[in-house]
């Protein structure tokens, strides 16, 4: 399980902070390709933010190709994420 910050621990804007926390978990190896993230609802509840905030964070990660968002499957860490991390 990843360590999630609460809204009070995140700096503004919240979606960027959440996106960076998830990306850092990928870089640190806590999240690996194929791992599934919690649902938007569970992430929102765990972080104390709205689902819109979570959706914006996940959309940003998808745009960076770190995660793939699939209907009825969820949000999954991509193989591209592992290559991006190893290039750094």
C-alpha atoms as a PDB file:
ATOM      1  CA  UNK A   1       0.000   0.000   0.000  1.00  0.00           C
ATOM      2  CA  UNK A   2       1.229   3.466  -0.787  1.00  0.00           C
ATOM      3  CA  UNK A   3       1.574   6.210   1.766  1.00  0.00           C
ATOM      4  CA  UNK A   4      -1.055   8.828   1.014  1.00  0.00           C
ATOM      5  CA  UNK A   5      -0.851  12.370   2.300  1.00  0.00           C
ATOM      6  CA  UNK A   6      -3.862  14.096   3.759  1.00  0.00           C
ATOM      7  CA  UNK A   7      -5.157  17.336   2.260  1.00  0.00           C
ATOM      8  CA  UNK A   8      -3.601  19.306   5.126  1.00  0.00           C
ATOM      9  CA  UNK A   9      -0.163  17.807   4.347  1.00  0.00           C
ATOM     10  CA  UNK A  10      -0.337  18.683   0.647  1.00  0.00           C
ATOM     11  CA  UNK A  11       0.552  22.030  -0.755  1.00  0.00           C
ATOM     12  CA  UNK A  12      -1.749  23.776  -3.190  1.00  0.00           C
ATOM     13  CA  UNK A  13      -2.910  22.879  -5.813  1.00  0.00           C
ATOM     14  CA  UNK A  14      -3.898  19.550  -4.359  1.00  0.00           C
ATOM     15  CA  UNK A  15      -4.063  17.607  -7.609  1.00  0.00           C
ATOM     16  CA  UNK A  16      -0.426  18.421  -8.397  1.00  0.00           C
ATOM     17  CA  UNK A  17       0.694  17.387  -4.927  1.00  0.00           C
ATOM     18  CA  UNK A  18      -1.202  14.098  -5.158  1.00  0.00           C
ATOM     19  CA  UNK A  19       0.185  13.461  -8.638  1.00  0.00           C
ATOM     20  CA  UNK A  20       3.720  14.026  -7.363  1.00  0.00           C
ATOM     21  CA  UNK A  21       3.190  11.692  -4.382  1.00  0.00           C
ATOM     22  CA  UNK A  22       2.039   8.885  -6.674  1.00  0.00           C
ATOM     23  CA  UNK A  23       4.913   9.542  -9.115  1.00  0.00           C
ATOM     24  CA  UNK A  24       7.370   9.470  -6.198  1.00  0.00           C
ATOM     25  CA  UNK A  25       5.958   6.117  -5.074  1.00  0.00           C
ATOM     26  CA  UNK A  26       6.621   4.824  -8.595  1.00  0.00           C
ATOM     27  CA  UNK A  27      10.182   6.185  -8.560  1.00  0.00           C
ATOM     28  CA  UNK A  28      10.826   4.658  -5.122  1.00  0.00           C
ATOM     29  CA  UNK A  29       9.604   1.254  -6.298  1.00  0.00           C
ATOM     30  CA  UNK A  30       6.643   1.106  -3.934  1.00  0.00           C
ATOM     31  CA  UNK A  31       4.437   0.967  -7.030  1.00  0.00           C
ATOM     32  CA  UNK A  32       5.544  -1.323  -9.847  1.00  0.00           C
ATOM     33  CA  UNK A  33       4.274  -1.916 -13.381  1.00  0.00           C
ATOM     34  CA  UNK A  34       1.025  -3.840 -13.238  1.00  0.00           C
ATOM     35  CA  UNK A  35       0.085  -2.595  -9.762  1.00  0.00           C
ATOM     36  CA  UNK A  36      -3.413  -1.244  -9.499  1.00  0.00           C
ATOM     37  CA  UNK A  37      -4.103   1.998  -7.658  1.00  0.00           C
ATOM     38  CA  UNK A  38      -7.071   2.312  -5.310  1.00  0.00           C
ATOM     39  CA  UNK A  39     -10.298   3.585  -6.829  1.00  0.00           C
ATOM     40  CA  UNK A  40     -10.878   7.313  -7.208  1.00  0.00           C
ATOM     41  CA  UNK A  41     -13.343   7.141  -4.343  1.00  0.00           C
ATOM     42  CA  UNK A  42     -10.893   5.336  -2.051  1.00  0.00           C
ATOM     43  CA  UNK A  43      -8.040   7.711  -2.923  1.00  0.00           C
ATOM     44  CA  UNK A  44     -10.276  10.716  -2.307  1.00  0.00           C
ATOM     45  CA  UNK A  45     -11.435   9.362   1.028  1.00  0.00           C
ATOM     46  CA  UNK A  46      -7.910   8.387   2.089  1.00  0.00           C
ATOM     47  CA  UNK A  47      -6.435  11.784   1.207  1.00  0.00           C
ATOM     48  CA  UNK A  48      -9.394  13.887   2.308  1.00  0.00           C
ATOM     49  CA  UNK A  49      -9.836  15.484  -1.117  1.00  0.00           C
ATOM     50  CA  UNK A  50     -12.600  15.435  -3.715  1.00  0.00           C
ATOM     51  CA  UNK A  51     -12.871  12.874  -6.496  1.00  0.00           C
ATOM     52  CA  UNK A  52     -12.390  15.702  -8.981  1.00  0.00           C
ATOM     53  CA  UNK A  53      -8.981  16.383  -7.417  1.00  0.00           C
ATOM     54  CA  UNK A  54      -8.059  12.699  -7.633  1.00  0.00           C
ATOM     55  CA  UNK A  55      -9.300  12.515 -11.223  1.00  0.00           C
ATOM     56  CA  UNK A  56      -7.145  15.511 -12.202  1.00  0.00           C
ATOM     57  CA  UNK A  57      -4.081  13.918 -10.593  1.00  0.00           C
ATOM     58  CA  UNK A  58      -4.674  10.585 -12.323  1.00  0.00           C
ATOM     59  CA  UNK A  59      -5.354  12.281 -15.655  1.00  0.00           C
ATOM     60  CA  UNK A  60      -1.984  14.028 -15.364  1.00  0.00           C
ATOM     61  CA  UNK A  61      -0.238  10.744 -14.612  1.00  0.00           C
ATOM     62  CA  UNK A  62      -1.989   9.156 -17.598  1.00  0.00           C
ATOM     63  CA  UNK A  63      -0.875  12.026 -19.821  1.00  0.00           C
ATOM     64  CA  UNK A  64       2.710  11.387 -18.651  1.00  0.00           C
ATOM     65  CA  UNK A  65       2.119   7.677 -19.448  1.00  0.00           C
ATOM     66  CA  UNK A  66       2.906   6.596 -15.900  1.00  0.00           C
ATOM     67  CA  UNK A  67      -0.536   5.021 -15.482  1.00  0.00           C
ATOM     68  CA  UNK A  68      -3.205   3.607 -17.757  1.00  0.00           C
ATOM     69  CA  UNK A  69      -6.832   4.258 -16.898  1.00  0.00           C
ATOM     70  CA  UNK A  70      -9.206   1.495 -17.935  1.00  0.00           C
ATOM     71  CA  UNK A  71     -12.941   1.375 -17.506  1.00  0.00           C
ATOM     72  CA  UNK A  72     -14.024  -1.390 -15.110  1.00  0.00           C
ATOM     73  CA  UNK A  73     -10.388  -2.344 -14.486  1.00  0.00           C
ATOM     74  CA  UNK A  74      -9.044   0.732 -12.758  1.00  0.00           C
ATOM     75  CA  UNK A  75      -5.815   2.678 -12.862  1.00  0.00           C
ATOM     76  CA  UNK A  76      -2.719   0.576 -13.460  1.00  0.00           C
ATOM     77  CA  UNK A  77       0.976   1.451 -13.356  1.00  0.00           C
ATOM     78  CA  UNK A  78       2.396   1.097 -16.884  1.00  0.00           C
ATOM     79  CA  UNK A  79       5.577  -0.514 -18.151  1.00  0.00           C
ATOM     80  CA  UNK A  80       6.464   2.952 -19.463  1.00  0.00           C
ATOM     81  CA  UNK A  81       6.642   4.114 -15.843  1.00  0.00           C
ATOM     82  CA  UNK A  82       9.439   1.640 -15.114  1.00  0.00           C
ATOM     83  CA  UNK A  83      11.404   2.792 -18.165  1.00  0.00           C
ATOM     84  CA  UNK A  84      10.899   6.456 -17.235  1.00  0.00           C
ATOM     85  CA  UNK A  85      12.238   5.819 -13.759  1.00  0.00           C
ATOM     86  CA  UNK A  86      15.267   3.855 -14.983  1.00  0.00           C
ATOM     87  CA  UNK A  87      16.179   6.646 -17.414  1.00  0.00           C
ATOM     88  CA  UNK A  88      16.532   9.150 -14.574  1.00  0.00           C
END
